[in-house]
Amino acid sequence: MCPIRVHWHVKVNYVDYWRVKISITNFNYRMNYTQWTLVIQHPNMNNITQVFSFEYNPVSLYKSINDTGMFYGMKYYNEML
């Protein structure tokens, strides 16, 4: 069983943009997962304009399709995870 839970939901859904909140919960209290990696695949991943509290790099296997992204935890932002 994986001791990590990833929960996401759409906070704002406008015509021009949308905002998503991602929450990561650690259920293994003896381990500290401050430098985590999360892969997300979504059809609208090519329209990312701003990312807060973690790093983002697009995974572009095909130049015409960009629907996958890698998100990385940042030290000092995720110390209590």
N, C-alpha and C. Protein backbone atom coordinates (compact mmCIF):
# COMPACT_ATOMS: atom_id res chain seq x y z
N MET A 1 0.83 -1.18 0.00
CA MET A 1 0.00 0.00 0.00
C MET A 1 0.87 1.25 0.00
N CYS A 2 0.53 2.20 -0.81
CA CYS A 2 1.26 3.45 -0.90
C CYS A 2 0.83 4.38 0.23
N PRO A 3 1.77 4.91 1.02
CA PRO A 3 1.39 5.77 2.14
C PRO A 3 1.11 7.22 1.75
N ILE A 4 1.02 7.51 0.48
CA ILE A 4 0.79 8.88 0.00
C ILE A 4 -0.58 8.95 -0.67
N ARG A 5 -1.32 10.02 -0.39
CA ARG A 5 -2.59 10.25 -1.07
C ARG A 5 -2.48 11.57 -1.83
N VAL A 6 -2.87 11.55 -3.10
CA VAL A 6 -2.89 12.76 -3.93
C VAL A 6 -4.35 13.09 -4.20
N HIS A 7 -4.74 14.30 -3.83
CA HIS A 7 -6.11 14.76 -4.03
C HIS A 7 -6.05 16.05 -4.83
N TRP A 8 -6.85 16.14 -5.87
CA TRP A 8 -6.89 17.39 -6.65
C TRP A 8 -8.33 17.71 -6.99
N HIS A 9 -8.60 19.00 -7.10
CA HIS A 9 -9.91 19.44 -7.52
C HIS A 9 -9.78 20.81 -8.19
N VAL A 10 -10.73 21.11 -9.05
CA VAL A 10 -10.75 22.38 -9.76
C VAL A 10 -11.33 23.43 -8.84
N LYS A 11 -10.54 24.48 -8.55
CA LYS A 11 -11.00 25.56 -7.69
C LYS A 11 -11.75 26.62 -8.47
N VAL A 12 -11.23 26.98 -9.64
CA VAL A 12 -11.83 28.02 -10.48
C VAL A 12 -11.86 27.51 -11.90
N ASN A 13 -12.98 27.65 -12.55
CA ASN A 13 -13.12 27.18 -13.92
C ASN A 13 -13.73 28.32 -14.76
N TYR A 14 -12.86 29.17 -15.29
CA TYR A 14 -13.29 30.27 -16.15
C TYR A 14 -13.14 29.88 -17.61
N VAL A 15 -13.59 30.75 -18.48
CA VAL A 15 -13.46 30.49 -19.92
C VAL A 15 -12.00 30.59 -20.35
N ASP A 16 -11.28 31.59 -19.81
CA ASP A 16 -9.89 31.82 -20.22
C ASP A 16 -8.87 30.95 -19.48
N TYR A 17 -9.17 30.58 -18.25
CA TYR A 17 -8.21 29.78 -17.48
C TYR A 17 -8.94 28.97 -16.42
N TRP A 18 -8.19 28.03 -15.82
CA TRP A 18 -8.74 27.25 -14.72
C TRP A 18 -7.65 27.08 -13.68
N ARG A 19 -8.04 26.95 -12.43
CA ARG A 19 -7.09 26.81 -11.33
C ARG A 19 -7.38 25.51 -10.59
N VAL A 20 -6.34 24.74 -10.37
CA VAL A 20 -6.47 23.43 -9.72
C VAL A 20 -5.65 23.43 -8.45
N LYS A 21 -6.19 22.85 -7.40
CA LYS A 21 -5.46 22.68 -6.15
C LYS A 21 -5.09 21.21 -6.01
N ILE A 22 -3.81 20.96 -5.75
CA ILE A 22 -3.32 19.59 -5.54
C ILE A 22 -2.86 19.48 -4.09
N SER A 23 -3.38 18.50 -3.38
CA SER A 23 -2.98 18.24 -2.00
C SER A 23 -2.34 16.87 -1.93
N ILE A 24 -1.19 16.80 -1.29
CA ILE A 24 -0.48 15.53 -1.11
C ILE A 24 -0.39 15.27 0.39
N THR A 25 -0.90 14.11 0.82
CA THR A 25 -0.92 13.76 2.24
C THR A 25 -0.03 12.55 2.47
N ASN A 26 0.80 12.63 3.47
CA ASN A 26 1.70 11.55 3.83
C ASN A 26 1.11 10.80 5.02
N PHE A 27 0.87 9.50 4.87
CA PHE A 27 0.36 8.69 5.97
C PHE A 27 1.45 7.89 6.66
N ASN A 28 2.67 7.94 6.14
CA ASN A 28 3.81 7.30 6.79
C ASN A 28 4.55 8.39 7.57
N TYR A 29 4.24 8.56 8.83
CA TYR A 29 4.73 9.68 9.61
C TYR A 29 6.21 9.57 9.97
N ARG A 30 6.80 8.40 9.79
CA ARG A 30 8.22 8.24 10.08
C ARG A 30 9.11 8.69 8.93
N MET A 31 8.53 8.83 7.74
CA MET A 31 9.30 9.24 6.56
C MET A 31 8.94 10.67 6.17
N ASN A 32 9.93 11.39 5.67
CA ASN A 32 9.72 12.75 5.20
C ASN A 32 9.89 12.76 3.69
N TYR A 33 8.84 13.13 2.97
CA TYR A 33 8.85 13.14 1.51
C TYR A 33 8.87 14.57 0.98
N THR A 34 9.88 15.35 1.32
CA THR A 34 9.90 16.74 0.90
C THR A 34 10.26 16.91 -0.57
N GLN A 35 11.05 16.01 -1.11
CA GLN A 35 11.44 16.12 -2.51
C GLN A 35 10.75 15.01 -3.31
N TRP A 36 9.47 15.21 -3.55
CA TRP A 36 8.64 14.23 -4.22
C TRP A 36 8.54 14.57 -5.70
N THR A 37 8.06 13.60 -6.47
CA THR A 37 7.82 13.76 -7.90
C THR A 37 6.42 13.25 -8.21
N LEU A 38 5.68 14.02 -9.01
CA LEU A 38 4.31 13.67 -9.36
C LEU A 38 4.15 13.83 -10.86
N VAL A 39 3.63 12.81 -11.54
CA VAL A 39 3.38 12.87 -12.98
C VAL A 39 1.88 13.00 -13.18
N ILE A 40 1.49 14.02 -13.96
CA ILE A 40 0.07 14.26 -14.23
C ILE A 40 -0.13 14.29 -15.74
N GLN A 41 -1.16 13.59 -16.17
CA GLN A 41 -1.54 13.58 -17.58
C GLN A 41 -2.95 14.14 -17.71
N HIS A 42 -3.08 15.20 -18.49
CA HIS A 42 -4.37 15.86 -18.69
C HIS A 42 -4.36 16.52 -20.07
N PRO A 43 -5.47 16.53 -20.79
CA PRO A 43 -5.48 17.10 -22.15
C PRO A 43 -5.18 18.59 -22.20
N ASN A 44 -5.37 19.31 -21.12
CA ASN A 44 -5.14 20.76 -21.13
C ASN A 44 -3.81 21.14 -20.49
N MET A 45 -2.88 20.22 -20.41
CA MET A 45 -1.59 20.48 -19.77
C MET A 45 -0.73 21.46 -20.55
N ASN A 46 -0.99 21.66 -21.82
CA ASN A 46 -0.17 22.59 -22.61
C ASN A 46 -0.53 24.05 -22.35
N ASN A 47 -1.55 24.33 -21.55
CA ASN A 47 -1.95 25.70 -21.26
C ASN A 47 -1.54 26.17 -19.87
N ILE A 48 -0.57 25.52 -19.25
CA ILE A 48 -0.14 25.93 -17.91
C ILE A 48 0.58 27.26 -18.00
N THR A 49 0.15 28.22 -17.18
CA THR A 49 0.76 29.55 -17.19
C THR A 49 1.53 29.84 -15.91
N GLN A 50 1.08 29.30 -14.77
CA GLN A 50 1.70 29.62 -13.50
C GLN A 50 1.58 28.44 -12.55
N VAL A 51 2.66 28.16 -11.81
CA VAL A 51 2.68 27.06 -10.84
C VAL A 51 3.20 27.62 -9.53
N PHE A 52 2.52 27.29 -8.42
CA PHE A 52 2.91 27.78 -7.10
C PHE A 52 3.40 26.63 -6.23
N SER A 53 4.41 26.87 -5.44
CA SER A 53 4.95 26.04 -4.36
C SER A 53 5.56 24.71 -4.81
N PHE A 54 5.70 24.48 -6.09
CA PHE A 54 6.48 23.36 -6.59
C PHE A 54 6.92 23.64 -8.02
N GLU A 55 7.88 22.86 -8.49
CA GLU A 55 8.43 23.04 -9.83
C GLU A 55 7.64 22.22 -10.84
N TYR A 56 7.61 22.71 -12.07
CA TYR A 56 6.90 22.02 -13.16
C TYR A 56 7.79 21.96 -14.39
N ASN A 57 7.84 20.79 -15.01
CA ASN A 57 8.51 20.61 -16.29
C ASN A 57 7.59 19.79 -17.19
N PRO A 58 7.36 20.28 -18.41
CA PRO A 58 6.53 19.49 -19.33
C PRO A 58 7.28 18.28 -19.85
N VAL A 59 6.56 17.21 -20.07
CA VAL A 59 7.12 16.01 -20.67
C VAL A 59 6.58 15.94 -22.09
N SER A 60 7.39 16.32 -23.04
CA SER A 60 6.95 16.39 -24.44
C SER A 60 7.58 15.24 -25.23
N LEU A 61 6.89 14.13 -25.25
CA LEU A 61 7.38 13.01 -26.05
C LEU A 61 7.14 13.26 -27.53
N TYR A 62 6.00 13.87 -27.81
CA TYR A 62 5.65 14.23 -29.18
C TYR A 62 5.48 15.74 -29.23
N LYS A 63 6.01 16.39 -30.22
CA LYS A 63 5.97 17.85 -30.29
C LYS A 63 4.55 18.40 -30.40
N SER A 64 3.66 17.68 -31.04
CA SER A 64 2.30 18.19 -31.24
C SER A 64 1.40 17.93 -30.04
N ILE A 65 1.77 17.00 -29.15
CA ILE A 65 0.94 16.65 -28.00
C ILE A 65 1.73 16.91 -26.73
N ASN A 66 1.21 17.78 -25.87
CA ASN A 66 1.83 18.04 -24.58
C ASN A 66 0.75 17.87 -23.52
N ASP A 67 0.50 16.65 -23.10
CA ASP A 67 -0.54 16.41 -22.11
C ASP A 67 -0.01 15.82 -20.82
N THR A 68 1.32 15.78 -20.65
CA THR A 68 1.93 15.19 -19.46
C THR A 68 2.90 16.18 -18.84
N GLY A 69 2.89 16.26 -17.52
CA GLY A 69 3.80 17.15 -16.82
C GLY A 69 4.38 16.49 -15.58
N MET A 70 5.60 16.89 -15.26
CA MET A 70 6.28 16.42 -14.04
C MET A 70 6.29 17.56 -13.05
N PHE A 71 5.80 17.29 -11.85
CA PHE A 71 5.81 18.26 -10.77
C PHE A 71 6.76 17.77 -9.69
N TYR A 72 7.58 18.68 -9.18
CA TYR A 72 8.61 18.34 -8.20
C TYR A 72 8.39 19.13 -6.93
N GLY A 73 8.53 18.46 -5.79
CA GLY A 73 8.45 19.15 -4.51
C GLY A 73 9.68 19.99 -4.27
N MET A 74 9.49 21.13 -3.66
CA MET A 74 10.59 22.05 -3.38
C MET A 74 10.89 22.05 -1.89
N LYS A 75 12.17 22.05 -1.56
CA LYS A 75 12.56 22.12 -0.17
C LYS A 75 12.11 23.47 0.40
N TYR A 76 11.77 23.50 1.66
CA TYR A 76 11.27 24.64 2.41
C TYR A 76 9.79 24.93 2.14
N TYR A 77 9.25 24.53 1.01
CA TYR A 77 7.81 24.66 0.79
C TYR A 77 7.07 23.42 1.27
N ASN A 78 7.75 22.29 1.25
CA ASN A 78 7.11 21.01 1.58
C ASN A 78 7.81 20.30 2.73
N GLU A 79 8.30 21.04 3.70
CA GLU A 79 9.05 20.44 4.79
C GLU A 79 8.20 19.53 5.68
N MET A 80 6.93 19.81 5.82
CA MET A 80 6.10 19.04 6.73
C MET A 80 5.37 17.88 6.07
N LEU A 81 5.68 17.59 4.82
CA LEU A 81 4.99 16.51 4.12
C LEU A 81 5.50 15.17 4.57
